[in-house]
Amino acid sequence: MTETSAPAVHFSTVLAPHRSLSPRGFRWVIGAAVAGNLVIGLPMMLFGAWPVLGFMGLDVYLLWWLFNRSYFDARRRESIVLTDHDLVVERVAPDGERERHRLDAYWLRVELAPEAERLVVISRGSRLVVGRFLAPSERQRVAEELKAAVAALRSPHYDHKWD
């Protein structure tokens, strides 16, 4: 009976968008916006220009909605795993929808567009853009690590015990 072992993992990473403002910082920004709008809006209301306060409230609501949308989008994930046989890219959308792509590792090619604007993995005519949400410097780092892993996969090192 032959045993089949699991393929070795040569590269594995999880990519996620970066958000520099913490939830606590978000509360501070919204609080400062409310306070600033009240400082301007209340005197306007006292002078008879009451619609100004409503528009300033709309301004705060729009700011709150945009930050919440940004935090929702931050739930996006991509996991990349390079094994002996294939490259598996699994994407998780912010709403939880999953999609999985498999590319043959032997024919795998990693291309980084000029100025790191796009990272593409290609295998046997299939093209897949990876890390669209990453900054160019992060995309460059992932491309270099993935290229190194593919190169190591193609040139294995065997330890022989010569007598």
Protein backbone atom coordinates (compact mmCIF):
# COMPACT_ATOMS: atom_id res chain seq x y z
CA MET A 1 0.00 0.00 0.00
CA THR A 2 1.38 3.42 -0.88
CA GLU A 3 1.02 6.44 1.28
CA THR A 4 0.26 9.80 -0.28
CA SER A 5 1.59 12.68 1.70
CA ALA A 6 0.16 16.17 1.64
CA PRO A 7 1.97 18.51 -0.75
CA ALA A 8 4.54 20.78 0.84
CA VAL A 9 3.59 24.42 1.27
CA HIS A 10 6.24 26.73 -0.20
CA PHE A 11 4.46 30.06 0.31
CA SER A 12 1.44 31.09 2.32
CA THR A 13 0.05 34.51 3.15
CA VAL A 14 -3.21 36.29 3.89
CA LEU A 15 -3.68 39.72 2.33
CA ALA A 16 -5.99 42.28 3.90
CA PRO A 17 -6.56 45.99 3.29
CA HIS A 18 -4.91 48.35 5.75
CA ARG A 19 -6.99 50.79 7.78
CA SER A 20 -4.98 53.37 9.68
CA LEU A 21 -7.82 54.72 11.83
CA SER A 22 -8.85 52.55 14.76
CA PRO A 23 -12.48 52.38 15.94
CA ARG A 24 -11.52 54.58 18.90
CA GLY A 25 -10.00 57.14 16.53
CA PHE A 26 -13.18 56.95 14.44
CA ARG A 27 -15.26 57.91 17.48
CA TRP A 28 -12.93 60.85 18.12
CA VAL A 29 -13.22 62.06 14.52
CA ILE A 30 -17.02 61.87 14.58
CA GLY A 31 -17.11 63.59 17.99
CA ALA A 32 -14.86 66.38 16.72
CA ALA A 33 -17.02 66.79 13.60
CA VAL A 34 -20.19 66.99 15.71
CA ALA A 35 -18.59 69.50 18.10
CA GLY A 36 -17.24 71.64 15.25
CA ASN A 37 -20.58 71.63 13.47
CA LEU A 38 -22.42 72.59 16.66
CA VAL A 39 -20.01 75.48 17.29
CA ILE A 40 -20.84 76.84 13.85
CA GLY A 41 -24.46 75.64 13.50
CA LEU A 42 -25.93 76.80 16.82
CA PRO A 43 -25.06 80.49 16.33
CA MET A 44 -26.43 80.25 12.78
CA MET A 45 -29.67 78.84 14.16
CA LEU A 46 -29.87 81.68 16.70
CA PHE A 47 -29.38 84.22 13.90
CA GLY A 48 -32.31 82.70 12.01
CA ALA A 49 -30.40 80.56 9.52
CA TRP A 50 -31.76 77.29 10.93
CA PRO A 51 -31.33 75.22 7.69
CA VAL A 52 -27.54 75.48 8.16
CA LEU A 53 -27.74 73.19 11.21
CA GLY A 54 -29.63 70.55 9.19
CA PHE A 55 -27.05 70.60 6.41
CA MET A 56 -24.26 70.31 8.96
CA GLY A 57 -26.02 67.27 10.45
CA LEU A 58 -26.19 65.81 6.97
CA ASP A 59 -22.45 66.43 6.68
CA VAL A 60 -21.76 64.44 9.88
CA TYR A 61 -24.07 61.63 8.75
CA LEU A 62 -22.25 61.39 5.39
CA LEU A 63 -18.86 61.27 7.17
CA TRP A 64 -20.15 58.52 9.50
CA TRP A 65 -21.56 56.51 6.54
CA LEU A 66 -18.35 56.76 4.53
CA PHE A 67 -16.20 55.55 7.44
CA ASN A 68 -18.59 52.66 8.09
CA ARG A 69 -18.41 51.72 4.40
CA SER A 70 -14.61 51.80 4.62
CA TYR A 71 -14.60 49.52 7.69
CA PHE A 72 -17.04 47.15 5.93
CA ASP A 73 -14.71 46.98 2.92
CA ALA A 74 -11.78 46.22 5.24
CA ARG A 75 -13.26 42.76 5.86
CA ARG A 76 -12.01 41.74 2.40
CA ARG A 77 -9.34 38.98 2.46
CA GLU A 78 -7.19 37.03 0.00
CA SER A 79 -5.23 33.97 1.01
CA ILE A 80 -2.46 32.72 -1.27
CA VAL A 81 -0.98 29.24 -0.83
CA LEU A 82 1.72 27.78 -3.11
CA THR A 83 2.13 24.03 -2.85
CA ASP A 84 4.09 21.49 -4.89
CA HIS A 85 1.22 21.19 -7.37
CA ASP A 86 -0.69 24.44 -7.53
CA LEU A 87 -1.23 27.99 -6.38
CA VAL A 88 -4.53 28.42 -4.57
CA VAL A 89 -5.97 31.92 -4.24
CA GLU A 90 -9.05 32.15 -2.06
CA ARG A 91 -10.90 35.46 -1.91
CA VAL A 92 -13.41 36.45 0.72
CA ALA A 93 -15.56 39.46 -0.12
CA PRO A 94 -16.73 41.87 2.61
CA ASP A 95 -20.17 40.26 2.58
CA GLY A 96 -18.67 36.78 3.14
CA GLU A 97 -18.88 35.48 -0.43
CA ARG A 98 -15.96 33.17 -1.24
CA GLU A 99 -14.26 32.31 -4.50
CA ARG A 100 -11.34 29.97 -5.07
CA HIS A 101 -8.89 29.86 -7.97
CA ARG A 102 -6.33 27.13 -8.68
CA LEU A 103 -3.36 27.65 -10.97
CA ASP A 104 -0.80 25.01 -11.94
CA ALA A 105 2.41 25.72 -9.97
CA TYR A 106 4.74 24.27 -12.59
CA TRP A 107 3.75 26.84 -15.22
CA LEU A 108 3.29 29.69 -12.77
CA ARG A 109 4.62 33.13 -13.67
CA VAL A 110 4.43 36.23 -11.47
CA GLU A 111 4.26 39.60 -13.21
CA LEU A 112 4.34 42.98 -11.56
CA ALA A 113 3.28 45.91 -13.76
CA PRO A 114 5.46 49.04 -13.81
CA GLU A 115 5.26 51.10 -10.63
CA ALA A 116 3.64 48.09 -8.91
CA GLU A 117 0.17 49.07 -10.05
CA ARG A 118 -0.93 45.48 -10.71
CA LEU A 119 0.24 42.04 -9.54
CA VAL A 120 -0.76 39.24 -11.92
CA VAL A 121 -0.15 35.50 -11.59
CA ILE A 122 -0.31 33.55 -14.86
CA SER A 123 -0.41 29.80 -15.46
CA ARG A 124 -1.33 27.98 -18.68
CA GLY A 125 -3.22 30.94 -20.11
CA SER A 126 -5.13 31.71 -16.91
CA ARG A 127 -4.50 35.17 -15.49
CA LEU A 128 -5.43 36.30 -12.00
CA VAL A 129 -4.93 39.75 -10.49
CA VAL A 130 -3.93 39.51 -6.84
CA GLY A 131 -3.91 42.13 -4.08
CA ARG A 132 -5.81 44.91 -5.83
CA PHE A 133 -6.40 46.61 -2.49
CA LEU A 134 -2.74 46.65 -1.43
CA ALA A 135 -0.43 49.64 -1.54
CA PRO A 136 2.23 49.49 -4.29
CA SER A 137 5.01 48.82 -1.77
CA GLU A 138 3.08 45.90 -0.27
CA ARG A 139 2.30 44.55 -3.76
CA GLN A 140 6.03 44.74 -4.57
CA ARG A 141 6.91 42.80 -1.41
CA VAL A 142 4.34 40.06 -2.09
CA ALA A 143 5.55 39.76 -5.70
CA GLU A 144 9.18 39.37 -4.62
CA GLU A 145 8.33 36.75 -1.98
CA LEU A 146 6.11 34.81 -4.38
CA LYS A 147 8.77 34.91 -7.15
CA ALA A 148 11.36 33.61 -4.68
CA ALA A 149 9.02 30.80 -3.59
CA VAL A 150 8.34 29.81 -7.21
CA ALA A 151 12.08 29.82 -7.97
CA ALA A 152 12.74 27.63 -4.92
CA LEU A 153 9.96 25.28 -6.00
CA ARG A 154 11.48 24.88 -9.46
CA SER A 155 15.00 24.20 -8.19
CA PRO A 156 14.63 21.72 -5.34
CA HIS A 157 17.58 20.85 -3.13
CA TYR A 158 18.05 17.21 -2.27
CA ASP A 159 20.10 16.01 0.66
CA HIS A 160 21.85 12.81 -0.32
CA LYS A 161 23.71 10.63 2.08
CA TRP A 162 26.73 9.58 0.09
CA ASP A 163 28.89 6.89 1.60
